[in-house]
Amino acid sequence: LCRHGGEEFVLLLPETNLQGAVKIAESLRLEFQNHTYALGETNIHFTASFGVSTLDIGLASTLEEGIKRADDALYRAKRLGKNKVEVG
């Protein structure tokens, strides 16, 4: 897990297929959505949007290409109403 821009993070999941990655992203999305964070006397709720892609070394994909596809999917999730998981 690492920061990839101001509000964006990259989570690499070695040996995880697309279906598994989407399942993990959806689980994280629900955790954010359903959790209340206390900040002093104020309760805060967050949502998160996710872009998911795979990296297939056998198809000569580069890490940069995989991140670009995930980034494009993330922005599509935001355009479609936020708090979503999209695949790129």
PDB file of N, CA and C in Angstrom:
ATOM      1  N   LEU A   1       0.863  -1.171   0.000  1.00  0.00           N
ATOM      2  CA  LEU A   1       0.000   0.000   0.000  1.00  0.00           C
ATOM      3  C   LEU A   1       0.900   1.221   0.000  1.00  0.00           C
ATOM      4  N   CYS A   2       0.633   2.164  -0.910  1.00  0.00           N
ATOM      5  CA  CYS A   2       1.404   3.402  -0.933  1.00  0.00           C
ATOM      6  C   CYS A   2       0.548   4.530  -1.498  1.00  0.00           C
ATOM      7  N   ARG A   3       0.928   5.746  -1.139  1.00  0.00           N
ATOM      8  CA  ARG A   3       0.236   6.925  -1.657  1.00  0.00           C
ATOM      9  C   ARG A   3       0.666   7.142  -3.100  1.00  0.00           C
ATOM     10  N   HIS A   4      -0.312   7.481  -3.938  1.00  0.00           N
ATOM     11  CA  HIS A   4      -0.042   7.729  -5.355  1.00  0.00           C
ATOM     12  C   HIS A   4      -0.738   9.033  -5.740  1.00  0.00           C
ATOM     13  N   GLY A   5      -0.368  10.105  -5.106  1.00  0.00           N
ATOM     14  CA  GLY A   5      -1.031  11.384  -5.337  1.00  0.00           C
ATOM     15  C   GLY A   5      -1.664  11.855  -4.051  1.00  0.00           C
ATOM     16  N   GLY A   6      -2.275  13.014  -4.114  1.00  0.00           N
ATOM     17  CA  GLY A   6      -2.834  13.634  -2.919  1.00  0.00           C
ATOM     18  C   GLY A   6      -3.825  12.784  -2.159  1.00  0.00           C
ATOM     19  N   GLU A   7      -4.828  12.269  -2.841  1.00  0.00           N
ATOM     20  CA  GLU A   7      -5.875  11.487  -2.181  1.00  0.00           C
ATOM     21  C   GLU A   7      -5.986  10.083  -2.757  1.00  0.00           C
ATOM     22  N   GLU A   8      -4.984   9.642  -3.471  1.00  0.00           N
ATOM     23  CA  GLU A   8      -5.032   8.340  -4.121  1.00  0.00           C
ATOM     24  C   GLU A   8      -3.970   7.417  -3.538  1.00  0.00           C
ATOM     25  N   PHE A   9      -4.349   6.144  -3.440  1.00  0.00           N
ATOM     26  CA  PHE A   9      -3.446   5.123  -2.927  1.00  0.00           C
ATOM     27  C   PHE A   9      -3.439   3.951  -3.895  1.00  0.00           C
ATOM     28  N   VAL A  10      -2.340   3.241  -3.937  1.00  0.00           N
ATOM     29  CA  VAL A  10      -2.210   2.031  -4.739  1.00  0.00           C
ATOM     30  C   VAL A  10      -2.010   0.867  -3.779  1.00  0.00           C
ATOM     31  N   LEU A  11      -2.796  -0.166  -3.980  1.00  0.00           N
ATOM     32  CA  LEU A  11      -2.670  -1.391  -3.197  1.00  0.00           C
ATOM     33  C   LEU A  11      -2.336  -2.513  -4.174  1.00  0.00           C
ATOM     34  N   LEU A  12      -1.137  -3.052  -4.063  1.00  0.00           N
ATOM     35  CA  LEU A  12      -0.723  -4.157  -4.925  1.00  0.00           C
ATOM     36  C   LEU A  12      -1.068  -5.467  -4.232  1.00  0.00           C
ATOM     37  N   LEU A  13      -1.696  -6.359  -4.971  1.00  0.00           N
ATOM     38  CA  LEU A  13      -2.140  -7.648  -4.430  1.00  0.00           C
ATOM     39  C   LEU A  13      -1.539  -8.776  -5.259  1.00  0.00           C
ATOM     40  N   PRO A  14      -0.276  -9.140  -4.988  1.00  0.00           N
ATOM     41  CA  PRO A  14       0.366 -10.204  -5.771  1.00  0.00           C
ATOM     42  C   PRO A  14      -0.445 -11.498  -5.712  1.00  0.00           C
ATOM     43  N   GLU A  15      -0.471 -12.191  -6.839  1.00  0.00           N
ATOM     44  CA  GLU A  15      -1.136 -13.489  -6.955  1.00  0.00           C
ATOM     45  C   GLU A  15      -2.631 -13.419  -6.649  1.00  0.00           C
ATOM     46  N   THR A  16      -3.227 -12.253  -6.911  1.00  0.00           N
ATOM     47  CA  THR A  16      -4.673 -12.072  -6.745  1.00  0.00           C
ATOM     48  C   THR A  16      -5.264 -11.799  -8.117  1.00  0.00           C
ATOM     49  N   ASN A  17      -6.292 -12.557  -8.498  1.00  0.00           N
ATOM     50  CA  ASN A  17      -6.916 -12.323  -9.797  1.00  0.00           C
ATOM     51  C   ASN A  17      -7.871 -11.139  -9.714  1.00  0.00           C
ATOM     52  N   LEU A  18      -8.430 -10.775 -10.852  1.00  0.00           N
ATOM     53  CA  LEU A  18      -9.311  -9.603 -10.905  1.00  0.00           C
ATOM     54  C   LEU A  18     -10.507  -9.761  -9.977  1.00  0.00           C
ATOM     55  N   GLN A  19     -11.134 -10.925  -9.989  1.00  0.00           N
ATOM     56  CA  GLN A  19     -12.298 -11.164  -9.129  1.00  0.00           C
ATOM     57  C   GLN A  19     -11.929 -10.994  -7.659  1.00  0.00           C
ATOM     58  N   GLY A  20     -10.788 -11.509  -7.255  1.00  0.00           N
ATOM     59  CA  GLY A  20     -10.340 -11.363  -5.870  1.00  0.00           C
ATOM     60  C   GLY A  20     -10.046  -9.914  -5.517  1.00  0.00           C
ATOM     61  N   ALA A  21      -9.436  -9.184  -6.446  1.00  0.00           N
ATOM     62  CA  ALA A  21      -9.126  -7.774  -6.201  1.00  0.00           C
ATOM     63  C   ALA A  21     -10.393  -6.946  -6.067  1.00  0.00           C
ATOM     64  N   VAL A  22     -11.383  -7.228  -6.913  1.00  0.00           N
ATOM     65  CA  VAL A  22     -12.663  -6.512  -6.823  1.00  0.00           C
ATOM     66  C   VAL A  22     -13.335  -6.819  -5.489  1.00  0.00           C
ATOM     67  N   LYS A  23     -13.274  -8.063  -5.061  1.00  0.00           N
ATOM     68  CA  LYS A  23     -13.876  -8.456  -3.779  1.00  0.00           C
ATOM     69  C   LYS A  23     -13.213  -7.705  -2.619  1.00  0.00           C
ATOM     70  N   ILE A  24     -11.903  -7.588  -2.639  1.00  0.00           N
ATOM     71  CA  ILE A  24     -11.188  -6.856  -1.594  1.00  0.00           C
ATOM     72  C   ILE A  24     -11.544  -5.372  -1.639  1.00  0.00           C
ATOM     73  N   ALA A  25     -11.587  -4.785  -2.830  1.00  0.00           N
ATOM     74  CA  ALA A  25     -11.943  -3.369  -2.964  1.00  0.00           C
ATOM     75  C   ALA A  25     -13.358  -3.123  -2.448  1.00  0.00           C
ATOM     76  N   GLU A  26     -14.280  -4.004  -2.793  1.00  0.00           N
ATOM     77  CA  GLU A  26     -15.665  -3.849  -2.337  1.00  0.00           C
ATOM     78  C   GLU A  26     -15.751  -3.982  -0.822  1.00  0.00           C
ATOM     79  N   SER A  27     -14.991  -4.893  -0.248  1.00  0.00           N
ATOM     80  CA  SER A  27     -14.967  -5.060   1.204  1.00  0.00           C
ATOM     81  C   SER A  27     -14.441  -3.783   1.880  1.00  0.00           C
ATOM     82  N   LEU A  28     -13.369  -3.223   1.340  1.00  0.00           N
ATOM     83  CA  LEU A  28     -12.830  -1.973   1.890  1.00  0.00           C
ATOM     84  C   LEU A  28     -13.833  -0.828   1.738  1.00  0.00           C
ATOM     85  N   ARG A  29     -14.487  -0.753   0.570  1.00  0.00           N
ATOM     86  CA  ARG A  29     -15.485   0.296   0.333  1.00  0.00           C
ATOM     87  C   ARG A  29     -16.602   0.224   1.368  1.00  0.00           C
ATOM     88  N   LEU A  30     -17.098  -0.977   1.617  1.00  0.00           N
ATOM     89  CA  LEU A  30     -18.172  -1.153   2.599  1.00  0.00           C
ATOM     90  C   LEU A  30     -17.711  -0.817   4.014  1.00  0.00           C
ATOM     91  N   GLU A  31     -16.463  -1.167   4.331  1.00  0.00           N
ATOM     92  CA  GLU A  31     -15.920  -0.848   5.651  1.00  0.00           C
ATOM     93  C   GLU A  31     -15.909   0.668   5.875  1.00  0.00           C
ATOM     94  N   PHE A  32     -15.447   1.411   4.882  1.00  0.00           N
ATOM     95  CA  PHE A  32     -15.481   2.879   4.988  1.00  0.00           C
ATOM     96  C   PHE A  32     -16.913   3.386   5.129  1.00  0.00           C
ATOM     97  N   GLN A  33     -17.794   2.896   4.267  1.00  0.00           N
ATOM     98  CA  GLN A  33     -19.176   3.370   4.242  1.00  0.00           C
ATOM     99  C   GLN A  33     -19.908   3.109   5.553  1.00  0.00           C
ATOM    100  N   ASN A  34     -19.643   1.965   6.163  1.00  0.00           N
ATOM    101  CA  ASN A  34     -20.415   1.540   7.332  1.00  0.00           C
ATOM    102  C   ASN A  34     -19.792   1.892   8.665  1.00  0.00           C
ATOM    103  N   HIS A  35     -18.636   2.509   8.646  1.00  0.00           N
ATOM    104  CA  HIS A  35     -17.950   2.831   9.892  1.00  0.00           C
ATOM    105  C   HIS A  35     -18.098   4.314  10.220  1.00  0.00           C
ATOM    106  N   THR A  36     -18.327   4.606  11.478  1.00  0.00           N
ATOM    107  CA  THR A  36     -18.377   5.984  11.961  1.00  0.00           C
ATOM    108  C   THR A  36     -17.083   6.280  12.698  1.00  0.00           C
ATOM    109  N   TYR A  37     -16.456   7.364  12.318  1.00  0.00           N
ATOM    110  CA  TYR A  37     -15.204   7.771  12.954  1.00  0.00           C
ATOM    111  C   TYR A  37     -15.492   8.944  13.878  1.00  0.00           C
ATOM    112  N   ALA A  38     -15.056   8.847  15.119  1.00  0.00           N
ATOM    113  CA  ALA A  38     -15.282   9.910  16.095  1.00  0.00           C
ATOM    114  C   ALA A  38     -14.106  10.871  16.058  1.00  0.00           C
ATOM    115  N   LEU A  39     -14.422  12.141  15.912  1.00  0.00           N
ATOM    116  CA  LEU A  39     -13.424  13.203  15.966  1.00  0.00           C
ATOM    117  C   LEU A  39     -13.917  14.176  17.029  1.00  0.00           C
ATOM    118  N   GLY A  40     -13.416  13.986  18.242  1.00  0.00           N
ATOM    119  CA  GLY A  40     -13.954  14.759  19.361  1.00  0.00           C
ATOM    120  C   GLY A  40     -15.400  14.369  19.580  1.00  0.00           C
ATOM    121  N   GLU A  41     -16.280  15.360  19.559  1.00  0.00           N
ATOM    122  CA  GLU A  41     -17.716  15.100  19.725  1.00  0.00           C
ATOM    123  C   GLU A  41     -18.442  14.982  18.392  1.00  0.00           C
ATOM    124  N   THR A  42     -17.691  14.995  17.306  1.00  0.00           N
ATOM    125  CA  THR A  42     -18.283  14.922  15.975  1.00  0.00           C
ATOM    126  C   THR A  42     -18.079  13.535  15.389  1.00  0.00           C
ATOM    127  N   ASN A  43     -19.136  12.982  14.815  1.00  0.00           N
ATOM    128  CA  ASN A  43     -19.045  11.716  14.099  1.00  0.00           C
ATOM    129  C   ASN A  43     -18.889  11.997  12.613  1.00  0.00           C
ATOM    130  N   ILE A  44     -17.951  11.305  11.995  1.00  0.00           N
ATOM    131  CA  ILE A  44     -17.655  11.522  10.585  1.00  0.00           C
ATOM    132  C   ILE A  44     -17.867  10.216   9.831  1.00  0.00           C
ATOM    133  N   HIS A  45     -18.465  10.326   8.649  1.00  0.00           N
ATOM    134  CA  HIS A  45     -18.639   9.185   7.763  1.00  0.00           C
ATOM    135  C   HIS A  45     -17.848   9.457   6.485  1.00  0.00           C
ATOM    136  N   PHE A  46     -17.210   8.423   5.972  1.00  0.00           N
ATOM    137  CA  PHE A  46     -16.461   8.519   4.726  1.00  0.00           C
ATOM    138  C   PHE A  46     -17.034   7.550   3.713  1.00  0.00           C
ATOM    139  N   THR A  47     -16.809   7.850   2.465  1.00  0.00           N
ATOM    140  CA  THR A  47     -17.007   6.880   1.399  1.00  0.00           C
ATOM    141  C   THR A  47     -15.712   6.823   0.607  1.00  0.00           C
ATOM    142  N   ALA A  48     -15.570   5.796  -0.193  1.00  0.00           N
ATOM    143  CA  ALA A  48     -14.362   5.651  -1.002  1.00  0.00           C
ATOM    144  C   ALA A  48     -14.732   5.083  -2.360  1.00  0.00           C
ATOM    145  N   SER A  49     -14.045   5.551  -3.372  1.00  0.00           N
ATOM    146  CA  SER A  49     -14.176   5.020  -4.720  1.00  0.00           C
ATOM    147  C   SER A  49     -12.908   4.263  -5.054  1.00  0.00           C
ATOM    148  N   PHE A  50     -13.053   3.170  -5.823  1.00  0.00           N
ATOM    149  CA  PHE A  50     -11.928   2.322  -6.160  1.00  0.00           C
ATOM    150  C   PHE A  50     -11.883   2.051  -7.650  1.00  0.00           C
ATOM    151  N   GLY A  51     -10.694   2.060  -8.198  1.00  0.00           N
ATOM    152  CA  GLY A  51     -10.436   1.594  -9.551  1.00  0.00           C
ATOM    153  C   GLY A  51      -9.556   0.365  -9.440  1.00  0.00           C
ATOM    154  N   VAL A  52      -9.944  -0.721 -10.106  1.00  0.00           N
ATOM    155  CA  VAL A  52      -9.234  -1.991 -10.002  1.00  0.00           C
ATOM    156  C   VAL A  52      -8.778  -2.415 -11.393  1.00  0.00           C
ATOM    157  N   SER A  53      -7.542  -2.868 -11.482  1.00  0.00           N
ATOM    158  CA  SER A  53      -7.051  -3.447 -12.730  1.00  0.00           C
ATOM    159  C   SER A  53      -6.091  -4.573 -12.386  1.00  0.00           C
ATOM    160  N   THR A  54      -5.740  -5.338 -13.395  1.00  0.00           N
ATOM    161  CA  THR A  54      -4.774  -6.415 -13.201  1.00  0.00           C
ATOM    162  C   THR A  54      -3.526  -6.121 -14.015  1.00  0.00           C
ATOM    163  N   LEU A  55      -2.464  -6.760 -13.631  1.00  0.00           N
ATOM    164  CA  LEU A  55      -1.194  -6.641 -14.330  1.00  0.00           C
ATOM    165  C   LEU A  55      -0.803  -8.035 -14.772  1.00  0.00           C
ATOM    166  N   ASP A  56      -0.754  -8.258 -16.068  1.00  0.00           N
ATOM    167  CA  ASP A  56      -0.414  -9.562 -16.613  1.00  0.00           C
ATOM    168  C   ASP A  56       0.944  -9.477 -17.277  1.00  0.00           C
ATOM    169  N   ILE A  57       1.956  -9.918 -16.565  1.00  0.00           N
ATOM    170  CA  ILE A  57       3.319  -9.858 -17.085  1.00  0.00           C
ATOM    171  C   ILE A  57       3.430 -10.617 -18.404  1.00  0.00           C
ATOM    172  N   GLY A  58       2.686 -11.697 -18.546  1.00  0.00           N
ATOM    173  CA  GLY A  58       2.719 -12.479 -19.777  1.00  0.00           C
ATOM    174  C   GLY A  58       2.237 -11.706 -20.986  1.00  0.00           C
ATOM    175  N   LEU A  59       1.442 -10.671 -20.772  1.00  0.00           N
ATOM    176  CA  LEU A  59       0.945  -9.839 -21.874  1.00  0.00           C
ATOM    177  C   LEU A  59       1.762  -8.561 -22.017  1.00  0.00           C
ATOM    178  N   ALA A  60       2.902  -8.512 -21.361  1.00  0.00           N
ATOM    179  CA  ALA A  60       3.831  -7.380 -21.442  1.00  0.00           C
ATOM    180  C   ALA A  60       3.243  -6.099 -20.885  1.00  0.00           C
ATOM    181  N   SER A  61       2.277  -6.206 -19.973  1.00  0.00           N
ATOM    182  CA  SER A  61       1.767  -5.016 -19.293  1.00  0.00           C
ATOM    183  C   SER A  61       2.844  -4.489 -18.361  1.00  0.00           C
ATOM    184  N   THR A  62       2.932  -3.190 -18.273  1.00  0.00           N
ATOM    185  CA  THR A  62       3.864  -2.596 -17.318  1.00  0.00           C
ATOM    186  C   THR A  62       3.093  -2.158 -16.088  1.00  0.00           C
ATOM    187  N   LEU A  63       3.806  -1.943 -15.016  1.00  0.00           N
ATOM    188  CA  LEU A  63       3.171  -1.448 -13.798  1.00  0.00           C
ATOM    189  C   LEU A  63       2.466  -0.121 -14.080  1.00  0.00           C
ATOM    190  N   GLU A  64       3.104   0.731 -14.861  1.00  0.00           N
ATOM    191  CA  GLU A  64       2.504   2.030 -15.192  1.00  0.00           C
ATOM    192  C   GLU A  64       1.179   1.865 -15.939  1.00  0.00           C
ATOM    193  N   GLU A  65       1.112   0.888 -16.868  1.00  0.00           N
ATOM    194  CA  GLU A  65      -0.133   0.631 -17.591  1.00  0.00           C
ATOM    195  C   GLU A  65      -1.236   0.155 -16.641  1.00  0.00           C
ATOM    196  N   GLY A  66      -0.883  -0.729 -15.722  1.00  0.00           N
ATOM    197  CA  GLY A  66      -1.864  -1.224 -14.754  1.00  0.00           C
ATOM    198  C   GLY A  66      -2.377  -0.117 -13.862  1.00  0.00           C
ATOM    199  N   ILE A  67      -1.487   0.744 -13.403  1.00  0.00           N
ATOM    200  CA  ILE A  67      -1.906   1.875 -12.562  1.00  0.00           C
ATOM    201  C   ILE A  67      -2.759   2.838 -13.362  1.00  0.00           C
ATOM    202  N   LYS A  68      -2.421   3.072 -14.625  1.00  0.00           N
ATOM    203  CA  LYS A  68      -3.218   3.976 -15.474  1.00  0.00           C
ATOM    204  C   LYS A  68      -4.628   3.433 -15.658  1.00  0.00           C
ATOM    205  N   ARG A  69      -4.764   2.122 -15.900  1.00  0.00           N
ATOM    206  CA  ARG A  69      -6.102   1.530 -16.050  1.00  0.00           C
ATOM    207  C   ARG A  69      -6.908   1.650 -14.755  1.00  0.00           C
ATOM    208  N   ALA A  70      -6.249   1.405 -13.633  1.00  0.00           N
ATOM    209  CA  ALA A  70      -6.928   1.539 -12.339  1.00  0.00           C
ATOM    210  C   ALA A  70      -7.318   2.993 -12.088  1.00  0.00           C
ATOM    211  N   ASP A  71      -6.441   3.917 -12.432  1.00  0.00           N
ATOM    212  CA  ASP A  71      -6.723   5.345 -12.247  1.00  0.00           C
ATOM    213  C   ASP A  71      -7.906   5.782 -13.112  1.00  0.00           C
ATOM    214  N   ASP A  72      -7.933   5.324 -14.369  1.00  0.00           N
ATOM    215  CA  ASP A  72      -9.069   5.636 -15.250  1.00  0.00           C
ATOM    216  C   ASP A  72     -10.363   5.069 -14.675  1.00  0.00           C
ATOM    217  N   ALA A  73     -10.314   3.854 -14.134  1.00  0.00           N
ATOM    218  CA  ALA A  73     -11.500   3.237 -13.533  1.00  0.00           C
ATOM    219  C   ALA A  73     -11.927   4.005 -12.288  1.00  0.00           C
ATOM    220  N   LEU A  74     -10.970   4.485 -11.515  1.00  0.00           N
ATOM    221  CA  LEU A  74     -11.288   5.285 -10.325  1.00  0.00           C
ATOM    222  C   LEU A  74     -12.054   6.549 -10.710  1.00  0.00           C
ATOM    223  N   TYR A  75     -11.579   7.256 -11.724  1.00  0.00           N
ATOM    224  CA  TYR A  75     -12.267   8.480 -12.134  1.00  0.00           C
ATOM    225  C   TYR A  75     -13.631   8.189 -12.734  1.00  0.00           C
ATOM    226  N   ARG A  76     -13.780   7.028 -13.382  1.00  0.00           N
ATOM    227  CA  ARG A  76     -15.100   6.620 -13.865  1.00  0.00           C
ATOM    228  C   ARG A  76     -16.037   6.383 -12.677  1.00  0.00           C
ATOM    229  N   ALA A  77     -15.546   5.742 -11.628  1.00  0.00           N
ATOM    230  CA  ALA A  77     -16.352   5.513 -10.417  1.00  0.00           C
ATOM    231  C   ALA A  77     -16.800   6.836  -9.819  1.00  0.00           C
ATOM    232  N   LYS A  78     -15.921   7.814  -9.798  1.00  0.00           N
ATOM    233  CA  LYS A  78     -16.275   9.135  -9.260  1.00  0.00           C
ATOM    234  C   LYS A  78     -17.326   9.810 -10.133  1.00  0.00           C
ATOM    235  N   ARG A  79     -17.161   9.716 -11.461  1.00  0.00           N
ATOM    236  CA  ARG A  79     -18.137  10.331 -12.375  1.00  0.00           C
ATOM    237  C   ARG A  79     -19.512   9.676 -12.256  1.00  0.00           C
ATOM    238  N   LEU A  80     -19.532   8.379 -11.963  1.00  0.00           N
ATOM    239  CA  LEU A  80     -20.791   7.640 -11.890  1.00  0.00           C
ATOM    240  C   LEU A  80     -21.484   7.747 -10.539  1.00  0.00           C
ATOM    241  N   GLY A  81     -20.992   8.602  -9.668  1.00  0.00           N
ATOM    242  CA  GLY A  81     -21.693   8.845  -8.420  1.00  0.00           C
ATOM    243  C   GLY A  81     -20.886   8.598  -7.169  1.00  0.00           C
ATOM    244  N   LYS A  82     -19.648   8.197  -7.293  1.00  0.00           N
ATOM    245  CA  LYS A  82     -18.760   7.964  -6.159  1.00  0.00           C
ATOM    246  C   LYS A  82     -19.198   6.757  -5.332  1.00  0.00           C
ATOM    247  N   ASN A  83     -18.366   6.383  -4.359  1.00  0.00           N
ATOM    248  CA  ASN A  83     -18.630   5.243  -3.480  1.00  0.00           C
ATOM    249  C   ASN A  83     -18.906   3.978  -4.288  1.00  0.00           C
ATOM    250  N   LYS A  84     -18.033   3.731  -5.288  1.00  0.00           N
ATOM    251  CA  LYS A  84     -18.192   2.599  -6.175  1.00  0.00           C
ATOM    252  C   LYS A  84     -16.850   1.921  -6.426  1.00  0.00           C
ATOM    253  N   VAL A  85     -16.924   0.702  -6.933  1.00  0.00           N
ATOM    254  CA  VAL A  85     -15.739  -0.018  -7.408  1.00  0.00           C
ATOM    255  C   VAL A  85     -15.921  -0.202  -8.905  1.00  0.00           C
ATOM    256  N   GLU A  86     -14.963   0.263  -9.689  1.00  0.00           N
ATOM    257  CA  GLU A  86     -14.985   0.110 -11.138  1.00  0.00           C
ATOM    258  C   GLU A  86     -13.730  -0.627 -11.580  1.00  0.00           C
ATOM    259  N   VAL A  87     -13.857  -1.382 -12.666  1.00  0.00           N
ATOM    260  CA  VAL A  87     -12.746  -2.162 -13.208  1.00  0.00           C
ATOM    261  C   VAL A  87     -12.226  -1.501 -14.464  1.00  0.00           C
ATOM    262  N   GLY A  88     -10.906  -1.449 -14.589  1.00  0.00           N
ATOM    263  CA  GLY A  88     -10.277  -0.840 -15.763  1.00  0.00           C
ATOM    264  C   GLY A  88      -9.433  -1.814 -16.520  1.00  0.00           C
TER     265      GLY A  88
END
